[in-house]
C-alpha cells in the first residue's frame, strides 16, 4: 500500500463506538523531517568532521604554543643579547618568537586532527561499526601519512606509534568503571 491510494483491505478503526480517522489521514500526510536529525546532518559528512577537527586542532596548537613559548628558556648568548635591548624591543622579540611558534604548532595540530578525523570517519563508514579497530586502523593510516616525507621506515614507526596511542585513548574512553 503506498501513500497515494487506499488498499482494498483498509478498514477504519473503531474506538468507543466512533471511527478513528487518524490512521486514514496518516496515509496522505507527508513525513515531517525530525528537527534534531536535520541539525545533526552536517556532522554526518566526513569532510565536515575533518574540517571541525582541523580547526579545533589548530586552536589547541595555539594554546600549546602560548604555553610552550612561555616555558622556553634562552641560551646564555641569546640572553646576553636580549639584556642589551630595551624592554620594548625585548617584548617585540618575544612576540615574534611566539607568533612563529604559534603558526607552526597550530598548523601541525590542525593537520593531525584533520588527517586522523578524515581517515577515522571513512573507516567507520566503510566498516559500518564503531569499535577499537577503527581507532587502530585510523591511527596506523594517519601516522603513516604524516610521516610520508621521512620514508617507509618512518611511516611504519609513525603508524605503529600513532595506532598504539589511538588505541590507548579509545580504550581509556570506553573503559567501564
N, C-alpha and C. Protein backbone atom coordinates (compact mmCIF):
# COMPACT_ATOMS: atom_id res chain seq x y z
N UNK A 1 0.85 -1.17 0.00
CA UNK A 1 0.00 0.00 0.00
C UNK A 1 0.90 1.23 0.00
N UNK A 2 0.71 2.14 -0.93
CA UNK A 2 1.50 3.36 -0.94
C UNK A 2 0.69 4.51 -0.35
N UNK A 3 1.31 5.68 -0.24
CA UNK A 3 0.68 6.80 0.42
C UNK A 3 -0.35 7.53 -0.42
N UNK A 4 -0.46 7.20 -1.72
CA UNK A 4 -1.38 7.94 -2.58
C UNK A 4 -2.70 7.22 -2.82
N UNK A 5 -2.77 5.95 -2.53
CA UNK A 5 -4.03 5.23 -2.76
C UNK A 5 -4.36 4.37 -1.57
N UNK A 6 -5.60 4.00 -1.47
CA UNK A 6 -6.04 3.16 -0.37
C UNK A 6 -6.04 1.70 -0.80
N UNK A 7 -5.72 0.85 0.13
CA UNK A 7 -5.79 -0.57 -0.12
C UNK A 7 -7.25 -1.01 -0.01
N UNK A 8 -7.60 -2.05 -0.74
CA UNK A 8 -8.98 -2.56 -0.67
C UNK A 8 -9.26 -3.16 0.70
N UNK A 9 -8.19 -3.57 1.41
CA UNK A 9 -8.36 -4.21 2.71
C UNK A 9 -8.45 -3.22 3.86
N UNK A 10 -8.28 -1.92 3.58
CA UNK A 10 -8.27 -0.95 4.68
C UNK A 10 -9.66 -0.80 5.24
N UNK A 11 -9.73 -0.88 6.58
CA UNK A 11 -10.99 -0.66 7.27
C UNK A 11 -10.71 0.31 8.41
N UNK A 12 -11.58 1.27 8.63
CA UNK A 12 -11.34 2.24 9.70
C UNK A 12 -11.40 1.56 11.07
N UNK A 13 -10.53 2.03 11.93
CA UNK A 13 -10.53 1.51 13.30
C UNK A 13 -11.67 2.16 14.07
N UNK A 14 -12.29 1.38 14.93
CA UNK A 14 -13.40 1.89 15.72
C UNK A 14 -12.97 1.91 17.18
N UNK A 15 -13.07 3.10 17.80
CA UNK A 15 -12.75 3.25 19.22
C UNK A 15 -13.95 3.84 19.91
N UNK A 16 -14.40 3.18 20.93
CA UNK A 16 -15.54 3.65 21.73
C UNK A 16 -16.74 4.00 20.86
N UNK A 17 -16.99 3.20 19.84
CA UNK A 17 -18.16 3.42 19.00
C UNK A 17 -17.96 4.49 17.95
N UNK A 18 -16.78 5.12 17.87
CA UNK A 18 -16.52 6.16 16.87
C UNK A 18 -15.38 5.72 15.95
N UNK A 19 -15.44 6.17 14.74
CA UNK A 19 -14.41 5.80 13.76
C UNK A 19 -13.17 6.66 14.01
N UNK A 20 -12.01 6.00 14.08
CA UNK A 20 -10.73 6.69 14.27
C UNK A 20 -10.17 7.05 12.89
N UNK A 21 -10.16 8.32 12.57
CA UNK A 21 -9.72 8.75 11.24
C UNK A 21 -8.23 9.09 11.18
N UNK A 22 -7.56 9.05 12.30
CA UNK A 22 -6.14 9.43 12.27
C UNK A 22 -5.31 8.47 11.43
N UNK A 23 -5.60 7.17 11.49
CA UNK A 23 -4.86 6.21 10.67
C UNK A 23 -5.10 6.48 9.19
N UNK A 24 -6.34 6.82 8.85
CA UNK A 24 -6.67 7.13 7.45
C UNK A 24 -5.93 8.39 6.99
N UNK A 25 -5.92 9.43 7.82
CA UNK A 25 -5.26 10.68 7.44
C UNK A 25 -3.74 10.52 7.35
N UNK A 26 -3.19 9.61 8.14
CA UNK A 26 -1.75 9.37 8.09
C UNK A 26 -1.29 8.83 6.74
N UNK A 27 -2.20 8.20 6.01
CA UNK A 27 -1.85 7.66 4.70
C UNK A 27 -1.48 8.77 3.72
N UNK A 28 -2.07 9.95 3.88
CA UNK A 28 -1.86 11.04 2.93
C UNK A 28 -0.89 12.11 3.44
N UNK A 29 -0.48 12.00 4.66
CA UNK A 29 0.37 13.01 5.26
C UNK A 29 1.82 12.78 4.85
N UNK A 30 2.50 13.84 4.44
CA UNK A 30 3.91 13.73 4.09
C UNK A 30 4.72 13.68 5.39
N UNK A 31 5.76 12.87 5.41
CA UNK A 31 6.56 12.81 6.64
C UNK A 31 7.30 14.13 6.87
N UNK A 32 7.29 14.56 8.11
CA UNK A 32 7.99 15.78 8.51
C UNK A 32 9.36 15.37 9.04
N UNK A 33 10.42 15.95 8.50
CA UNK A 33 11.73 15.54 8.99
C UNK A 33 11.92 15.92 10.45
N UNK A 34 12.61 15.07 11.16
CA UNK A 34 12.90 15.31 12.56
C UNK A 34 13.85 16.50 12.68
N UNK A 35 13.51 17.48 13.50
CA UNK A 35 14.32 18.69 13.62
C UNK A 35 15.72 18.37 14.13
N UNK A 36 15.85 17.44 15.07
CA UNK A 36 17.16 17.09 15.59
C UNK A 36 18.02 16.42 14.53
N UNK A 37 17.42 15.64 13.67
CA UNK A 37 18.15 14.96 12.62
C UNK A 37 18.71 15.97 11.61
N UNK A 38 17.93 16.98 11.26
CA UNK A 38 18.42 17.95 10.29
C UNK A 38 19.52 18.81 10.88
N UNK A 39 19.49 19.06 12.18
CA UNK A 39 20.55 19.83 12.80
C UNK A 39 21.85 19.03 12.82
N UNK A 40 21.77 17.74 13.06
CA UNK A 40 22.96 16.91 13.16
C UNK A 40 23.45 16.41 11.80
N UNK A 41 22.66 16.60 10.74
CA UNK A 41 23.03 16.10 9.42
C UNK A 41 24.42 16.52 8.95
N UNK A 42 24.83 17.78 9.06
CA UNK A 42 26.16 18.15 8.56
C UNK A 42 27.29 17.39 9.23
N UNK A 43 27.14 17.02 10.48
CA UNK A 43 28.21 16.30 11.17
C UNK A 43 28.30 14.84 10.74
N UNK A 44 27.39 14.39 9.89
CA UNK A 44 27.47 13.03 9.37
C UNK A 44 28.40 12.95 8.17
N UNK A 45 28.83 14.08 7.64
CA UNK A 45 29.73 14.09 6.49
C UNK A 45 31.17 14.10 6.97
N UNK A 46 31.97 13.26 6.37
CA UNK A 46 33.37 13.14 6.79
C UNK A 46 34.15 14.44 6.57
N UNK A 47 33.83 15.16 5.50
CA UNK A 47 34.54 16.41 5.23
C UNK A 47 34.28 17.44 6.34
N UNK A 48 33.04 17.50 6.81
CA UNK A 48 32.70 18.45 7.87
C UNK A 48 33.38 18.04 9.18
N UNK A 49 33.34 16.74 9.49
CA UNK A 49 34.01 16.26 10.71
C UNK A 49 35.50 16.55 10.66
N UNK A 50 36.11 16.33 9.50
CA UNK A 50 37.55 16.57 9.36
C UNK A 50 37.87 18.05 9.50
N UNK A 51 37.04 18.90 8.89
CA UNK A 51 37.28 20.35 8.98
C UNK A 51 37.14 20.84 10.42
N UNK A 52 36.12 20.37 11.11
CA UNK A 52 35.93 20.77 12.50
C UNK A 52 37.11 20.30 13.35
N UNK A 53 37.56 19.07 13.14
CA UNK A 53 38.71 18.56 13.90
C UNK A 53 39.97 19.36 13.57
N UNK A 54 40.13 19.74 12.31
CA UNK A 54 41.30 20.53 11.93
C UNK A 54 41.30 21.90 12.60
N UNK A 55 40.14 22.55 12.62
CA UNK A 55 40.04 23.87 13.25
C UNK A 55 40.27 23.76 14.76
N UNK A 56 39.67 22.74 15.38
CA UNK A 56 39.86 22.58 16.83
C UNK A 56 41.31 22.20 17.16
N UNK A 57 41.92 21.40 16.29
CA UNK A 57 43.33 21.07 16.48
C UNK A 57 44.21 22.30 16.36
N UNK A 58 43.88 23.17 15.41
CA UNK A 58 44.65 24.41 15.26
C UNK A 58 44.49 25.29 16.51
N UNK A 59 43.29 25.34 17.05
CA UNK A 59 43.07 26.09 18.29
C UNK A 59 43.88 25.52 19.44
N UNK A 60 43.92 24.20 19.54
CA UNK A 60 44.74 23.56 20.57
C UNK A 60 46.21 23.88 20.35
N UNK A 61 46.64 23.92 19.08
CA UNK A 61 48.02 24.26 18.77
C UNK A 61 48.38 25.67 19.21
N UNK A 62 47.44 26.59 19.06
CA UNK A 62 47.68 27.97 19.53
C UNK A 62 47.88 27.99 21.04
N UNK A 63 47.00 27.29 21.76
CA UNK A 63 47.12 27.26 23.22
C UNK A 63 48.43 26.60 23.65
N UNK A 64 48.79 25.51 22.99
CA UNK A 64 50.04 24.83 23.33
C UNK A 64 51.24 25.72 23.02
N UNK A 65 51.18 26.48 21.94
CA UNK A 65 52.29 27.36 21.59
C UNK A 65 52.46 28.46 22.63
N UNK A 66 51.35 29.03 23.11
CA UNK A 66 51.45 30.04 24.17
C UNK A 66 52.11 29.45 25.41
N UNK A 67 51.70 28.26 25.76
CA UNK A 67 52.27 27.61 26.94
C UNK A 67 53.75 27.29 26.73
N UNK A 68 54.07 26.69 25.59
CA UNK A 68 55.44 26.27 25.34
C UNK A 68 56.40 27.45 25.19
N UNK A 69 55.94 28.53 24.56
CA UNK A 69 56.80 29.70 24.40
C UNK A 69 57.08 30.34 25.75
N UNK A 70 56.10 30.34 26.62
CA UNK A 70 56.32 30.90 27.95
C UNK A 70 57.27 30.07 28.78
N UNK A 71 57.33 28.78 28.53
CA UNK A 71 58.21 27.89 29.30
C UNK A 71 59.60 27.75 28.69
N UNK A 72 59.77 28.28 27.49
CA UNK A 72 61.03 28.12 26.77
C UNK A 72 62.14 28.94 27.44
N UNK A 73 63.31 28.33 27.54
CA UNK A 73 64.46 29.05 28.10
C UNK A 73 65.41 29.43 26.97
N UNK A 74 66.10 30.53 27.14
CA UNK A 74 67.04 31.01 26.14
C UNK A 74 68.45 30.56 26.49
N UNK A 75 69.29 30.50 25.46
CA UNK A 75 70.70 30.19 25.70
C UNK A 75 71.36 31.40 26.36
N UNK A 76 72.52 31.20 26.90
CA UNK A 76 73.24 32.30 27.58
C UNK A 76 73.59 33.39 26.59
N UNK A 77 74.00 33.01 25.37
CA UNK A 77 74.34 34.01 24.36
C UNK A 77 73.12 34.83 23.97
N UNK A 78 72.00 34.15 23.80
CA UNK A 78 70.78 34.86 23.45
C UNK A 78 70.33 35.75 24.60
N UNK A 79 70.50 35.28 25.82
CA UNK A 79 70.11 36.06 26.98
C UNK A 79 70.97 37.31 27.10
N UNK A 80 72.27 37.20 26.84
CA UNK A 80 73.15 38.38 26.87
C UNK A 80 72.75 39.38 25.80
N UNK A 81 72.37 38.90 24.61
CA UNK A 81 71.93 39.78 23.54
C UNK A 81 70.63 40.49 23.93
N UNK A 82 69.72 39.75 24.58
CA UNK A 82 68.45 40.34 24.98
C UNK A 82 68.63 41.38 26.09
N UNK A 83 69.63 41.19 26.95
CA UNK A 83 69.86 42.14 28.04
C UNK A 83 70.30 43.50 27.50
N UNK A 84 70.87 43.52 26.31
CA UNK A 84 71.29 44.79 25.72
C UNK A 84 70.11 45.56 25.11
N UNK A 85 69.00 44.88 24.88
CA UNK A 85 67.83 45.52 24.28
C UNK A 85 66.97 46.20 25.33
N UNK A 86 66.19 47.19 24.89
CA UNK A 86 65.26 47.84 25.80
C UNK A 86 64.08 46.91 26.07
N UNK A 87 63.27 47.26 27.03
CA UNK A 87 62.11 46.42 27.37
C UNK A 87 61.15 46.27 26.20
N UNK A 88 60.93 47.35 25.46
CA UNK A 88 60.02 47.30 24.32
C UNK A 88 60.57 46.39 23.23
N UNK A 89 61.87 46.46 22.99
CA UNK A 89 62.49 45.61 21.98
C UNK A 89 62.46 44.13 22.41
N UNK A 90 62.63 43.90 23.69
CA UNK A 90 62.54 42.53 24.19
C UNK A 90 61.14 41.97 23.99
N UNK A 91 60.11 42.78 24.26
CA UNK A 91 58.73 42.34 24.05
C UNK A 91 58.47 42.02 22.58
N UNK A 92 58.97 42.89 21.68
CA UNK A 92 58.82 42.61 20.25
C UNK A 92 59.48 41.29 19.88
N UNK A 93 60.67 41.06 20.41
CA UNK A 93 61.38 39.82 20.14
C UNK A 93 60.57 38.61 20.61
N UNK A 94 60.05 38.66 21.82
CA UNK A 94 59.27 37.54 22.35
C UNK A 94 57.97 37.34 21.58
N UNK A 95 57.32 38.43 21.17
CA UNK A 95 56.09 38.28 20.39
C UNK A 95 56.35 37.68 19.01
N UNK A 96 57.50 38.03 18.41
CA UNK A 96 57.86 37.42 17.13
C UNK A 96 58.11 35.92 17.31
N UNK A 97 58.78 35.56 18.38
CA UNK A 97 59.02 34.15 18.67
C UNK A 97 57.70 33.42 18.89
N UNK A 98 56.81 34.05 19.63
CA UNK A 98 55.53 33.44 19.93
C UNK A 98 54.69 33.29 18.67
N UNK A 99 54.71 34.29 17.80
CA UNK A 99 53.94 34.22 16.56
C UNK A 99 54.44 33.08 15.67
N UNK A 100 55.75 32.95 15.55
CA UNK A 100 56.30 31.87 14.73
C UNK A 100 55.95 30.50 15.32
N UNK A 101 56.09 30.37 16.62
CA UNK A 101 55.78 29.09 17.27
C UNK A 101 54.29 28.79 17.18
N UNK A 102 53.45 29.81 17.34
CA UNK A 102 52.01 29.63 17.27
C UNK A 102 51.57 29.15 15.89
N UNK A 103 52.08 29.77 14.86
CA UNK A 103 51.72 29.37 13.50
C UNK A 103 52.14 27.93 13.23
N UNK A 104 53.35 27.60 13.62
CA UNK A 104 53.88 26.26 13.38
C UNK A 104 53.06 25.20 14.12
N UNK A 105 52.82 25.42 15.40
CA UNK A 105 52.11 24.41 16.21
C UNK A 105 50.64 24.30 15.82
N UNK A 106 50.01 25.43 15.49
CA UNK A 106 48.60 25.35 15.10
C UNK A 106 48.47 24.62 13.77
N UNK A 107 49.41 24.83 12.87
CA UNK A 107 49.38 24.12 11.58
C UNK A 107 49.58 22.61 11.80
N UNK A 108 50.50 22.26 12.67
CA UNK A 108 50.77 20.84 12.93
C UNK A 108 49.60 20.15 13.64
N UNK A 109 49.09 20.75 14.69
CA UNK A 109 47.97 20.15 15.43
C UNK A 109 46.72 20.08 14.55
N UNK A 110 46.47 21.13 13.78
CA UNK A 110 45.34 21.14 12.87
C UNK A 110 45.45 20.06 11.81
N UNK A 111 46.65 19.87 11.28
CA UNK A 111 46.87 18.82 10.28
C UNK A 111 46.65 17.43 10.84
N UNK A 112 47.15 17.20 12.04
CA UNK A 112 46.96 15.89 12.68
C UNK A 112 45.48 15.63 12.92
N UNK A 113 44.76 16.61 13.44
CA UNK A 113 43.33 16.45 13.68
C UNK A 113 42.56 16.21 12.40
N UNK A 114 42.88 16.95 11.36
CA UNK A 114 42.19 16.80 10.09
C UNK A 114 42.44 15.43 9.48
N UNK A 115 43.69 15.01 9.42
CA UNK A 115 44.03 13.72 8.79
C UNK A 115 43.43 12.55 9.57
N UNK A 116 43.61 12.54 10.89
CA UNK A 116 43.09 11.44 11.69
C UNK A 116 41.57 11.36 11.61
N UNK A 117 40.91 12.50 11.74
CA UNK A 117 39.45 12.51 11.72
C UNK A 117 38.90 12.07 10.38
N UNK A 118 39.52 12.51 9.29
CA UNK A 118 39.05 12.12 7.95
C UNK A 118 39.21 10.62 7.76
N UNK A 119 40.34 10.08 8.15
CA UNK A 119 40.57 8.64 7.98
C UNK A 119 39.61 7.85 8.87
N UNK A 120 39.46 8.28 10.13
CA UNK A 120 38.58 7.54 11.04
C UNK A 120 37.13 7.54 10.56
N UNK A 121 36.66 8.68 10.10
CA UNK A 121 35.28 8.76 9.63
C UNK A 121 35.07 7.84 8.43
N UNK A 122 35.99 7.85 7.49
CA UNK A 122 35.84 6.99 6.31
C UNK A 122 35.96 5.52 6.66
N UNK A 123 36.86 5.17 7.57
CA UNK A 123 36.97 3.77 8.00
C UNK A 123 35.69 3.33 8.70
N UNK A 124 35.15 4.20 9.55
CA UNK A 124 33.92 3.87 10.27
C UNK A 124 32.75 3.68 9.31
N UNK A 125 32.65 4.53 8.30
CA UNK A 125 31.56 4.38 7.33
C UNK A 125 31.76 3.13 6.48
N UNK A 126 32.99 2.83 6.12
CA UNK A 126 33.25 1.64 5.31
C UNK A 126 32.95 0.36 6.08
N UNK A 127 33.39 0.31 7.34
CA UNK A 127 33.18 -0.89 8.16
C UNK A 127 31.77 -0.96 8.72
N UNK A 128 31.11 0.18 8.86
CA UNK A 128 29.74 0.20 9.37
C UNK A 128 29.63 -0.04 10.86
N UNK A 129 30.70 0.16 11.60
CA UNK A 129 30.67 -0.04 13.05
C UNK A 129 31.65 0.91 13.72
N UNK A 130 31.42 1.13 15.00
CA UNK A 130 32.32 1.97 15.78
C UNK A 130 32.94 1.11 16.87
N UNK A 131 34.21 0.78 16.70
CA UNK A 131 34.89 -0.05 17.69
C UNK A 131 36.37 0.31 17.76
N UNK A 132 37.10 -0.47 18.53
CA UNK A 132 38.52 -0.23 18.76
C UNK A 132 39.33 -0.36 17.47
N UNK A 133 38.92 -1.24 16.59
CA UNK A 133 39.68 -1.46 15.35
C UNK A 133 39.69 -0.23 14.46
N UNK A 134 38.62 0.55 14.49
CA UNK A 134 38.61 1.80 13.72
C UNK A 134 39.72 2.73 14.19
N UNK A 135 39.89 2.85 15.49
CA UNK A 135 40.93 3.73 16.02
C UNK A 135 42.32 3.21 15.64
N UNK A 136 42.51 1.90 15.69
CA UNK A 136 43.81 1.33 15.34
C UNK A 136 44.12 1.52 13.86
N UNK A 137 43.14 1.24 13.01
CA UNK A 137 43.34 1.41 11.57
C UNK A 137 43.58 2.88 11.24
N UNK A 138 42.78 3.76 11.83
CA UNK A 138 42.92 5.19 11.58
C UNK A 138 44.25 5.71 12.08
N UNK A 139 44.66 5.25 13.25
CA UNK A 139 45.96 5.67 13.79
C UNK A 139 47.10 5.22 12.91
N UNK A 140 47.03 4.00 12.42
CA UNK A 140 48.07 3.49 11.53
C UNK A 140 48.12 4.32 10.25
N UNK A 141 46.97 4.58 9.67
CA UNK A 141 46.91 5.37 8.43
C UNK A 141 47.38 6.80 8.63
N UNK A 142 46.91 7.43 9.70
CA UNK A 142 47.29 8.83 9.93
C UNK A 142 48.77 8.95 10.27
N UNK A 143 49.29 8.06 11.10
CA UNK A 143 50.71 8.10 11.45
C UNK A 143 51.59 7.88 10.23
N UNK A 144 51.20 6.95 9.37
CA UNK A 144 51.98 6.69 8.16
C UNK A 144 51.89 7.87 7.19
N UNK A 145 50.72 8.43 7.05
CA UNK A 145 50.54 9.55 6.13
C UNK A 145 51.29 10.80 6.60
N UNK A 146 51.30 11.03 7.91
CA UNK A 146 52.01 12.20 8.43
C UNK A 146 53.53 12.05 8.35
N UNK A 147 54.03 10.82 8.26
CA UNK A 147 55.47 10.59 8.18
C UNK A 147 55.93 10.24 6.77
N UNK A 148 55.12 10.53 5.78
CA UNK A 148 55.40 10.10 4.41
C UNK A 148 56.69 10.71 3.86
N UNK A 149 57.04 11.92 4.26
CA UNK A 149 58.24 12.58 3.75
C UNK A 149 59.53 11.96 4.28
N UNK A 150 59.44 11.26 5.40
CA UNK A 150 60.64 10.70 6.02
C UNK A 150 60.99 9.31 5.52
N UNK A 151 60.15 8.70 4.71
CA UNK A 151 60.46 7.40 4.14
C UNK A 151 59.65 6.27 4.75
N UNK A 152 59.81 5.06 4.19
CA UNK A 152 58.98 3.93 4.61
C UNK A 152 59.21 3.50 6.06
N UNK A 153 60.44 3.54 6.54
CA UNK A 153 60.69 3.15 7.94
C UNK A 153 59.99 4.08 8.91
N UNK A 154 60.07 5.37 8.63
CA UNK A 154 59.40 6.34 9.50
C UNK A 154 57.88 6.21 9.38
N UNK A 155 57.41 5.86 8.19
CA UNK A 155 55.96 5.67 8.02
C UNK A 155 55.48 4.50 8.86
N UNK A 156 56.25 3.42 8.86
CA UNK A 156 55.88 2.25 9.66
C UNK A 156 55.90 2.58 11.15
N UNK A 157 56.99 3.23 11.59
CA UNK A 157 57.11 3.58 13.01
C UNK A 157 56.04 4.59 13.41
N UNK A 158 55.83 5.61 12.60
CA UNK A 158 54.80 6.60 12.89
C UNK A 158 53.42 5.99 12.95
N UNK A 159 53.14 5.10 12.01
CA UNK A 159 51.84 4.43 12.00
C UNK A 159 51.62 3.56 13.23
N UNK A 160 52.67 2.80 13.60
CA UNK A 160 52.53 1.93 14.78
C UNK A 160 52.35 2.73 16.06
N UNK A 161 53.16 3.78 16.23
CA UNK A 161 53.04 4.58 17.45
C UNK A 161 51.72 5.34 17.51
N UNK A 162 51.28 5.87 16.37
CA UNK A 162 50.01 6.59 16.35
C UNK A 162 48.86 5.62 16.58
N UNK A 163 48.95 4.41 16.03
CA UNK A 163 47.90 3.41 16.25
C UNK A 163 47.85 3.01 17.72
N UNK A 164 49.03 2.83 18.34
CA UNK A 164 49.06 2.48 19.76
C UNK A 164 48.46 3.60 20.60
N UNK A 165 48.80 4.84 20.28
CA UNK A 165 48.27 5.99 21.01
C UNK A 165 46.75 6.09 20.83
N UNK A 166 46.28 5.93 19.59
CA UNK A 166 44.84 6.00 19.32
C UNK A 166 44.10 4.88 20.03
N UNK A 167 44.69 3.69 20.02
CA UNK A 167 44.07 2.55 20.71
C UNK A 167 44.00 2.78 22.21
N UNK A 168 45.07 3.35 22.78
CA UNK A 168 45.07 3.62 24.22
C UNK A 168 44.01 4.66 24.58
N UNK A 169 43.88 5.69 23.78
CA UNK A 169 42.86 6.72 24.03
C UNK A 169 41.46 6.11 23.91
N UNK A 170 41.25 5.30 22.87
CA UNK A 170 39.94 4.65 22.67
C UNK A 170 39.62 3.72 23.83
N UNK A 171 40.62 2.97 24.27
CA UNK A 171 40.43 2.06 25.39
C UNK A 171 40.09 2.83 26.67
N UNK A 172 40.78 3.92 26.89
CA UNK A 172 40.53 4.76 28.07
C UNK A 172 39.12 5.33 28.03
N UNK A 173 38.68 5.78 26.88
CA UNK A 173 37.36 6.40 26.76
C UNK A 173 36.23 5.39 26.96
N UNK A 174 36.46 4.16 26.60
CA UNK A 174 35.37 3.17 26.66
C UNK A 174 35.54 2.16 27.78
N UNK A 175 36.41 2.44 28.72
CA UNK A 175 36.58 1.53 29.86
C UNK A 175 35.47 1.78 30.85
N UNK A 176 34.82 0.72 31.28
CA UNK A 176 33.76 0.82 32.28
C UNK A 176 34.39 0.85 33.66
N UNK A 177 33.93 1.74 34.49
CA UNK A 177 34.46 1.83 35.86
C UNK A 177 33.86 0.77 36.75
